[in-house]
C-alpha atoms as a PDB file:
ATOM      1  CA  MET A   1       0.000   0.060  -0.229  1.00  0.00           C
ATOM      2  CA  ALA A   2       1.603   3.398  -1.014  1.00  0.00           C
ATOM      3  CA  GLN A   3       1.705   6.114   1.524  1.00  0.00           C
ATOM      4  CA  ALA A   4       0.559   9.391   0.682  1.00  0.00           C
ATOM      5  CA  SER A   5       3.120  12.199  -0.179  1.00  0.00           C
ATOM      6  CA  SER A   6       3.989  14.804   2.834  1.00  0.00           C
ATOM      7  CA  VAL A   7       4.893  17.439   0.423  1.00  0.00           C
ATOM      8  CA  PRO A   8       1.995  20.034  -0.222  1.00  0.00           C
ATOM      9  CA  VAL A   9       0.694  20.455  -3.849  1.00  0.00           C
ATOM     10  CA  PRO A  10       0.780  24.297  -4.604  1.00  0.00           C
ATOM     11  CA  ILE A  11      -2.742  25.724  -4.837  1.00  0.00           C
ATOM     12  CA  PRO A  12      -3.478  27.437  -8.020  1.00  0.00           C
ATOM     13  CA  ALA A  13      -4.343  31.458  -7.588  1.00  0.00           C
ATOM     14  CA  GLY A  14      -7.949  32.425  -8.502  1.00  0.00           C
ATOM     15  CA  LEU A  15      -8.590  34.766 -11.477  1.00  0.00           C
ATOM     16  CA  GLY A  16      -9.633  37.341  -8.834  1.00  0.00           C
ATOM     17  CA  ARG A  17      -6.243  37.557  -7.238  1.00  0.00           C
ATOM     18  CA  ARG A  18      -4.449  37.411 -10.482  1.00  0.00           C
ATOM     19  CA  VAL A  19      -6.488  40.324 -11.810  1.00  0.00           C
ATOM     20  CA  LEU A  20      -6.086  42.435  -8.737  1.00  0.00           C
ATOM     21  CA  ALA A  21      -2.184  41.874  -8.727  1.00  0.00           C
ATOM     22  CA  ILE A  22      -1.866  43.047 -12.263  1.00  0.00           C
ATOM     23  CA  ILE A  23      -3.840  46.088 -11.645  1.00  0.00           C
ATOM     24  CA  ILE A  24      -1.775  46.940  -8.685  1.00  0.00           C
ATOM     25  CA  ASP A  25       1.234  46.143 -10.835  1.00  0.00           C
ATOM     26  CA  TRP A  26      -0.008  48.776 -13.285  1.00  0.00           C
ATOM     27  CA  VAL A  27      -1.041  51.386 -11.028  1.00  0.00           C
ATOM     28  CA  ALA A  28       2.417  51.180  -9.293  1.00  0.00           C
ATOM     29  CA  SER A  29       4.148  51.657 -12.756  1.00  0.00           C
ATOM     30  CA  LEU A  30       1.845  54.384 -13.622  1.00  0.00           C
ATOM     31  CA  LEU A  31       2.834  56.252 -10.208  1.00  0.00           C
ATOM     32  CA  VAL A  32       6.725  55.401 -10.745  1.00  0.00           C
ATOM     33  CA  VAL A  33       6.309  57.076 -14.124  1.00  0.00           C
ATOM     34  CA  ARG A  34       4.456  60.299 -13.089  1.00  0.00           C
ATOM     35  CA  LEU A  35       7.243  60.610 -10.681  1.00  0.00           C
ATOM     36  CA  LEU A  36       9.922  60.139 -12.755  1.00  0.00           C
ATOM     37  CA  PHE A  37       8.492  62.272 -15.892  1.00  0.00           C
ATOM     38  CA  PRO A  38       6.024  64.698 -14.085  1.00  0.00           C
ATOM     39  CA  ASP A  39       6.008  66.812 -17.109  1.00  0.00           C
ATOM     40  CA  MET A  40       5.001  63.973 -19.535  1.00  0.00           C
ATOM     41  CA  GLU A  41       1.481  64.136 -20.974  1.00  0.00           C
ATOM     42  CA  TYR A  42      -1.063  61.985 -19.615  1.00  0.00           C
ATOM     43  CA  PRO A  43      -2.643  60.210 -21.157  1.00  0.00           C
ATOM     44  CA  GLY A  44      -0.435  60.015 -24.353  1.00  0.00           C
ATOM     45  CA  ASN A  45       1.869  57.875 -26.558  1.00  0.00           C
ATOM     46  CA  ASP A  46       4.967  58.539 -24.605  1.00  0.00           C
ATOM     47  CA  SER A  47       3.294  58.175 -21.182  1.00  0.00           C
ATOM     48  CA  ALA A  48       1.770  54.873 -22.404  1.00  0.00           C
ATOM     49  CA  VAL A  49       5.159  53.432 -23.554  1.00  0.00           C
ATOM     50  CA  ALA A  50       6.993  54.498 -20.360  1.00  0.00           C
ATOM     51  CA  ILE A  51       4.442  52.697 -18.204  1.00  0.00           C
ATOM     52  CA  LEU A  52       4.434  49.673 -20.070  1.00  0.00           C
ATOM     53  CA  GLY A  53       8.214  49.884 -19.931  1.00  0.00           C
ATOM     54  CA  VAL A  54       8.353  50.430 -16.081  1.00  0.00           C
ATOM     55  CA  PHE A  55       5.542  47.448 -15.705  1.00  0.00           C
ATOM     56  CA  TYR A  56       7.745  45.056 -17.766  1.00  0.00           C
ATOM     57  CA  LEU A  57      10.825  45.679 -15.667  1.00  0.00           C
ATOM     58  CA  GLU A  58       9.102  45.733 -12.365  1.00  0.00           C
ATOM     59  CA  VAL A  59       7.050  42.648 -12.953  1.00  0.00           C
ATOM     60  CA  THR A  60      10.396  40.778 -14.491  1.00  0.00           C
ATOM     61  CA  LEU A  61      12.665  41.767 -11.968  1.00  0.00           C
ATOM     62  CA  PHE A  62      10.368  41.343  -9.036  1.00  0.00           C
ATOM     63  CA  THR A  63       9.640  37.984 -10.168  1.00  0.00           C
ATOM     64  CA  TRP A  64      13.083  36.975 -10.926  1.00  0.00           C
ATOM     65  CA  LEU A  65      14.176  38.249  -7.425  1.00  0.00           C
ATOM     66  CA  ILE A  66      11.363  37.218  -4.819  1.00  0.00           C
ATOM     67  CA  GLY A  67       9.015  34.995  -7.072  1.00  0.00           C
ATOM     68  CA  SER A  68       6.278  37.576  -7.178  1.00  0.00           C
ATOM     69  CA  SER A  69       5.745  40.893  -8.806  1.00  0.00           C
ATOM     70  CA  PHE A  70       4.948  43.374  -6.485  1.00  0.00           C
ATOM     71  CA  GLY A  71       1.119  43.137  -7.097  1.00  0.00           C
ATOM     72  CA  GLN A  72       1.364  39.334  -6.761  1.00  0.00           C
ATOM     73  CA  ARG A  73       3.435  39.881  -3.482  1.00  0.00           C
ATOM     74  CA  ILE A  74       0.592  41.900  -1.995  1.00  0.00           C
ATOM     75  CA  MET A  75      -1.924  39.335  -3.310  1.00  0.00           C
ATOM     76  CA  GLN A  76      -0.097  36.589  -1.745  1.00  0.00           C
ATOM     77  CA  ILE A  77       0.541  34.759  -4.961  1.00  0.00           C
ATOM     78  CA  ALA A  78       3.869  33.349  -6.454  1.00  0.00           C
ATOM     79  CA  VAL A  79       4.769  32.263  -9.801  1.00  0.00           C
ATOM     80  CA  ILE A  80       6.696  28.910  -9.804  1.00  0.00           C
ATOM     81  CA  ARG A  81       8.053  26.725 -12.776  1.00  0.00           C
ATOM     82  CA  GLU A  82       5.142  24.098 -13.843  1.00  0.00           C
ATOM     83  CA  ALA A  83       7.396  21.311 -11.959  1.00  0.00           C
ATOM     84  CA  GLY A  84       7.844  23.411  -8.792  1.00  0.00           C
ATOM     85  CA  GLY A  85      10.611  25.618  -7.895  1.00  0.00           C
ATOM     86  CA  ARG A  86      11.883  29.123  -8.935  1.00  0.00           C
ATOM     87  CA  LEU A  87      11.489  30.214 -12.770  1.00  0.00           C
ATOM     88  CA  GLY A  88      14.675  31.371 -14.526  1.00  0.00           C
ATOM     89  CA  LEU A  89      15.014  34.931 -16.150  1.00  0.00           C
ATOM     90  CA  PRO A  90      14.668  34.001 -19.571  1.00  0.00           C
ATOM     91  CA  ALA A  91      11.333  32.156 -18.970  1.00  0.00           C
ATOM     92  CA  ILE A  92      10.131  35.182 -16.512  1.00  0.00           C
ATOM     93  CA  ALA A  93      11.265  37.677 -19.461  1.00  0.00           C
ATOM     94  CA  LEU A  94       9.340  35.669 -22.053  1.00  0.00           C
ATOM     95  CA  ARG A  95       6.265  35.298 -19.656  1.00  0.00           C
ATOM     96  CA  THR A  96       6.237  39.104 -18.894  1.00  0.00           C
ATOM     97  CA  PHE A  97       6.550  39.961 -22.429  1.00  0.00           C
ATOM     98  CA  LEU A  98       3.493  37.714 -23.368  1.00  0.00           C
ATOM     99  CA  ILE A  99       1.366  39.553 -20.405  1.00  0.00           C
ATOM    100  CA  CYS A 100       2.431  42.945 -22.014  1.00  0.00           C
ATOM    101  CA  LEU A 101       0.698  42.003 -25.343  1.00  0.00           C
ATOM    102  CA  VAL A 102      -2.542  41.337 -23.534  1.00  0.00           C
ATOM    103  CA  ILE A 103      -4.300  38.741 -25.648  1.00  0.00           C
ATOM    104  CA  PRO A 104      -2.097  35.728 -24.388  1.00  0.00           C
ATOM    105  CA  ALA A 105      -3.086  36.598 -20.665  1.00  0.00           C
ATOM    106  CA  LEU A 106      -6.906  36.451 -21.773  1.00  0.00           C
ATOM    107  CA  VAL A 107      -6.801  32.782 -23.052  1.00  0.00           C
ATOM    108  CA  TYR A 108      -6.548  30.589 -20.354  1.00  0.00           C
ATOM    109  CA  ASP A 109      -6.749  26.582 -20.198  1.00  0.00           C
ATOM    110  CA  SER A 110      -9.052  24.584 -17.603  1.00  0.00           C
ATOM    111  CA  GLN A 111      -6.471  24.900 -15.176  1.00  0.00           C
ATOM    112  CA  GLY A 112      -6.360  28.724 -15.114  1.00  0.00           C
ATOM    113  CA  ARG A 113      -3.097  29.047 -16.937  1.00  0.00           C
ATOM    114  CA  GLY A 114      -2.831  31.688 -19.630  1.00  0.00           C
ATOM    115  CA  LEU A 115      -0.793  31.172 -22.683  1.00  0.00           C
ATOM    116  CA  GLN A 116       1.877  33.242 -20.904  1.00  0.00           C
ATOM    117  CA  ASP A 117       2.089  30.386 -18.466  1.00  0.00           C
ATOM    118  CA  ARG A 118       2.016  27.571 -21.010  1.00  0.00           C
ATOM    119  CA  ALA A 119       4.569  29.117 -22.987  1.00  0.00           C
ATOM    120  CA  ALA A 120       7.216  29.929 -20.128  1.00  0.00           C
ATOM    121  CA  GLY A 121       6.418  26.681 -18.110  1.00  0.00           C
ATOM    122  CA  SER A 122       5.163  28.417 -15.181  1.00  0.00           C
ATOM    123  CA  ARG A 123       2.124  28.381 -12.551  1.00  0.00           C
ATOM    124  CA  VAL A 124       0.683  30.993 -10.420  1.00  0.00           C
ATOM    125  CA  VAL A 125      -0.180  29.714  -7.248  1.00  0.00           C
ATOM    126  CA  LEU A 126      -0.985  30.822  -3.507  1.00  0.00           C
ATOM    127  CA  ARG A 127       2.303  31.911  -1.786  1.00  0.00           C
ATOM    128  CA  ALA A 128       1.127  29.830   1.339  1.00  0.00           C
ATOM    129  CA  SER A 129       1.027  26.625  -0.706  1.00  0.00           C
ATOM    130  CA  VAL A 130       4.535  26.906  -2.102  1.00  0.00           C
ATOM    131  CA  VAL A 131       7.305  25.129   0.079  1.00  0.00           C
ATOM    132  CA  GLY A 132      10.430  27.225   0.866  1.00  0.00           C
END
């Protein structure tokens, strides 16, 4: 008779937490751009590109360094490899780029994984369910 594994299985993060996290990240990026470039026209093409650039850098760097973007950290969720463990920088950069394209993030499978997660081999889970 096989024994049950004592290693907890990470719990997928719900869509609500994920949406709130991306809104937090976007607002934080907007605020950073407003602080760095107070004379820039808002809304405008230049400000939109600047906000998207800050968003890309923030999500990529924070996810690489601490396993979650700023917004994800607040919402208590983490990005992990599909098989568990930390995601590498190239996969994080690809995942964030696809999020910036928007459409991949809107198309998701029965497990709630968007195209960006499938392409990067990642999952977004509740932080409390991740060991380590």
